[in-house]
C-alpha atoms as a PDB file:
ATOM      1  CA  MET A   1       0.133  -0.212  -0.070  1.00  0.00           C
ATOM      2  CA  ILE A   2       1.322   3.281  -1.117  1.00  0.00           C
ATOM      3  CA  ILE A   3       0.273   6.437   1.048  1.00  0.00           C
ATOM      4  CA  HIS A   4       1.069   9.747  -0.730  1.00  0.00           C
ATOM      5  CA  VAL A   5       0.983  12.610   1.884  1.00  0.00           C
ATOM      6  CA  ARG A   6       0.385  16.139  -0.045  1.00  0.00           C
ATOM      7  CA  ILE A   7       1.551  18.854   2.545  1.00  0.00           C
ATOM      8  CA  ASN A   8      -0.784  21.674   1.877  1.00  0.00           C
ATOM      9  CA  SER A   9       1.221  24.686   1.964  1.00  0.00           C
ATOM     10  CA  TYR A  10      -1.209  26.995   3.254  1.00  0.00           C
ATOM     11  CA  GLN A  11      -1.856  25.036   6.328  1.00  0.00           C
ATOM     12  CA  VAL A  12       1.774  24.945   7.249  1.00  0.00           C
ATOM     13  CA  ASN A  13       2.417  28.924   6.323  1.00  0.00           C
ATOM     14  CA  GLU A  14      -1.054  29.260   8.493  1.00  0.00           C
ATOM     15  CA  ILE A  15       0.909  27.319  11.555  1.00  0.00           C
ATOM     16  CA  ILE A  16       4.245  29.472  11.036  1.00  0.00           C
ATOM     17  CA  HIS A  17       2.168  32.571  10.933  1.00  0.00           C
ATOM     18  CA  GLN A  18       0.167  31.720  14.356  1.00  0.00           C
ATOM     19  CA  GLU A  19       3.418  30.901  15.703  1.00  0.00           C
ATOM     20  CA  ARG A  20       5.089  34.039  15.230  1.00  0.00           C
ATOM     21  CA  ASN A  21       1.901  35.782  16.704  1.00  0.00           C
ATOM     22  CA  GLY A  22       2.580  34.166  19.600  1.00  0.00           C
ATOM     23  CA  LYS A  23      -1.020  32.115  19.097  1.00  0.00           C
ATOM     24  CA  MET A  24       0.168  28.837  18.840  1.00  0.00           C
ATOM     25  CA  LYS A  25       2.161  26.360  21.018  1.00  0.00           C
ATOM     26  CA  ASN A  26       4.022  23.103  20.509  1.00  0.00           C
ATOM     27  CA  ILE A  27       5.023  24.458  17.100  1.00  0.00           C
ATOM     28  CA  LYS A  28       7.259  21.254  16.043  1.00  0.00           C
ATOM     29  CA  VAL A  29       4.613  19.100  17.362  1.00  0.00           C
ATOM     30  CA  ARG A  30       1.764  20.591  15.369  1.00  0.00           C
ATOM     31  CA  THR A  31       3.958  21.040  11.876  1.00  0.00           C
ATOM     32  CA  GLU A  32       4.844  17.227  12.053  1.00  0.00           C
ATOM     33  CA  ILE A  33       1.331  16.316  12.527  1.00  0.00           C
ATOM     34  CA  THR A  34       0.734  18.549   9.671  1.00  0.00           C
ATOM     35  CA  LYS A  35       3.613  17.384   7.549  1.00  0.00           C
ATOM     36  CA  CYS A  36       2.549  13.606   8.188  1.00  0.00           C
ATOM     37  CA  GLY A  37      -1.068  13.835   6.969  1.00  0.00           C
ATOM     38  CA  MET A  38      -2.392  12.947  10.512  1.00  0.00           C
ATOM     39  CA  LYS A  39      -4.909  14.394  12.627  1.00  0.00           C
ATOM     40  CA  ILE A  40      -4.756  15.128  16.313  1.00  0.00           C
ATOM     41  CA  TYR A  41      -7.099  12.330  17.317  1.00  0.00           C
ATOM     42  CA  GLU A  42      -4.898   9.548  15.277  1.00  0.00           C
ATOM     43  CA  VAL A  43      -1.770  10.874  17.127  1.00  0.00           C
ATOM     44  CA  ALA A  44      -3.475  10.638  20.447  1.00  0.00           C
ATOM     45  CA  GLU A  45      -4.555   7.123  19.777  1.00  0.00           C
ATOM     46  CA  LEU A  46      -0.982   6.307  19.412  1.00  0.00           C
ATOM     47  CA  LEU A  47      -0.107   7.765  22.643  1.00  0.00           C
ATOM     48  CA  GLY A  48      -3.294   5.912  24.285  1.00  0.00           C
ATOM     49  CA  ILE A  49      -5.198   9.203  25.377  1.00  0.00           C
ATOM     50  CA  THR A  50      -8.259  11.184  23.877  1.00  0.00           C
ATOM     51  CA  GLY A  51      -8.008  13.185  21.109  1.00  0.00           C
ATOM     52  CA  ASN A  52      -9.629  16.158  23.648  1.00  0.00           C
ATOM     53  CA  SER A  53      -6.549  15.275  26.018  1.00  0.00           C
ATOM     54  CA  LEU A  54      -4.225  15.776  23.534  1.00  0.00           C
ATOM     55  CA  SER A  55      -5.471  19.094  21.943  1.00  0.00           C
ATOM     56  CA  ARG A  56      -5.709  20.433  25.924  1.00  0.00           C
ATOM     57  CA  LYS A  57      -1.836  19.466  26.389  1.00  0.00           C
ATOM     58  CA  LEU A  58      -0.922  21.156  23.248  1.00  0.00           C
ATOM     59  CA  ALA A  59      -2.610  24.290  24.113  1.00  0.00           C
ATOM     60  CA  LYS A  60      -0.071  24.964  26.703  1.00  0.00           C
ATOM     61  CA  GLU A  61       3.542  24.817  25.826  1.00  0.00           C
ATOM     62  CA  LEU A  62       4.820  21.063  26.730  1.00  0.00           C
ATOM     63  CA  PRO A  63       8.362  20.487  28.101  1.00  0.00           C
ATOM     64  CA  LYS A  64      10.902  19.449  25.252  1.00  0.00           C
ATOM     65  CA  ALA A  65      11.208  15.988  26.367  1.00  0.00           C
ATOM     66  CA  GLU A  66       7.174  15.638  26.307  1.00  0.00           C
ATOM     67  CA  GLN A  67       7.204  16.920  22.647  1.00  0.00           C
ATOM     68  CA  LYS A  68      10.179  14.809  21.485  1.00  0.00           C
ATOM     69  CA  ARG A  69       8.322  11.788  23.151  1.00  0.00           C
ATOM     70  CA  ILE A  70       5.220  12.528  20.954  1.00  0.00           C
ATOM     71  CA  ILE A  71       6.880  13.838  17.458  1.00  0.00           C
ATOM     72  CA  ASP A  72       9.103  10.236  17.890  1.00  0.00           C
ATOM     73  CA  ALA A  73       5.699   8.379  17.871  1.00  0.00           C
ATOM     74  CA  ILE A  74       4.440  10.011  15.097  1.00  0.00           C
ATOM     75  CA  ARG A  75       7.623   9.482  13.342  1.00  0.00           C
ATOM     76  CA  ALA A  76       7.839   5.488  14.346  1.00  0.00           C
ATOM     77  CA  TYR A  77       4.020   5.086  13.172  1.00  0.00           C
ATOM     78  CA  LYS A  78       5.036   6.710   9.561  1.00  0.00           C
ATOM     79  CA  LYS A  79       8.088   4.566   9.475  1.00  0.00           C
ATOM     80  CA  GLY A  80       5.665   1.337  10.234  1.00  0.00           C
ATOM     81  CA  VAL A  81       3.142   2.568   7.625  1.00  0.00           C
ATOM     82  CA  SER A  82       6.221   3.107   5.005  1.00  0.00           C
ATOM     83  CA  ASP A  83       7.731  -0.241   5.539  1.00  0.00           C
ATOM     84  CA  ASP A  84       4.400  -1.921   5.111  1.00  0.00           C
ATOM     85  CA  GLU A  85       4.190  -0.977   1.560  1.00  0.00           C
END
């Protein structure tokens, strides 16, 4: 199975714009989610929590270790999906 992910440049630019204006927290996590074509609830399932819980966590800046844990989970999942092709 081949999965093509098309990054919507508007979405990425919107994230960058909101980050520059100080409105958005956890920009690295959010950008990784967008780049991989995933939704917050899908990432939450990987982490074993609800989508609402992850959304609330992302509303405030997470510690770097927590951000890294989430990004690593996303990348490991995407690598597993790519290996299955």
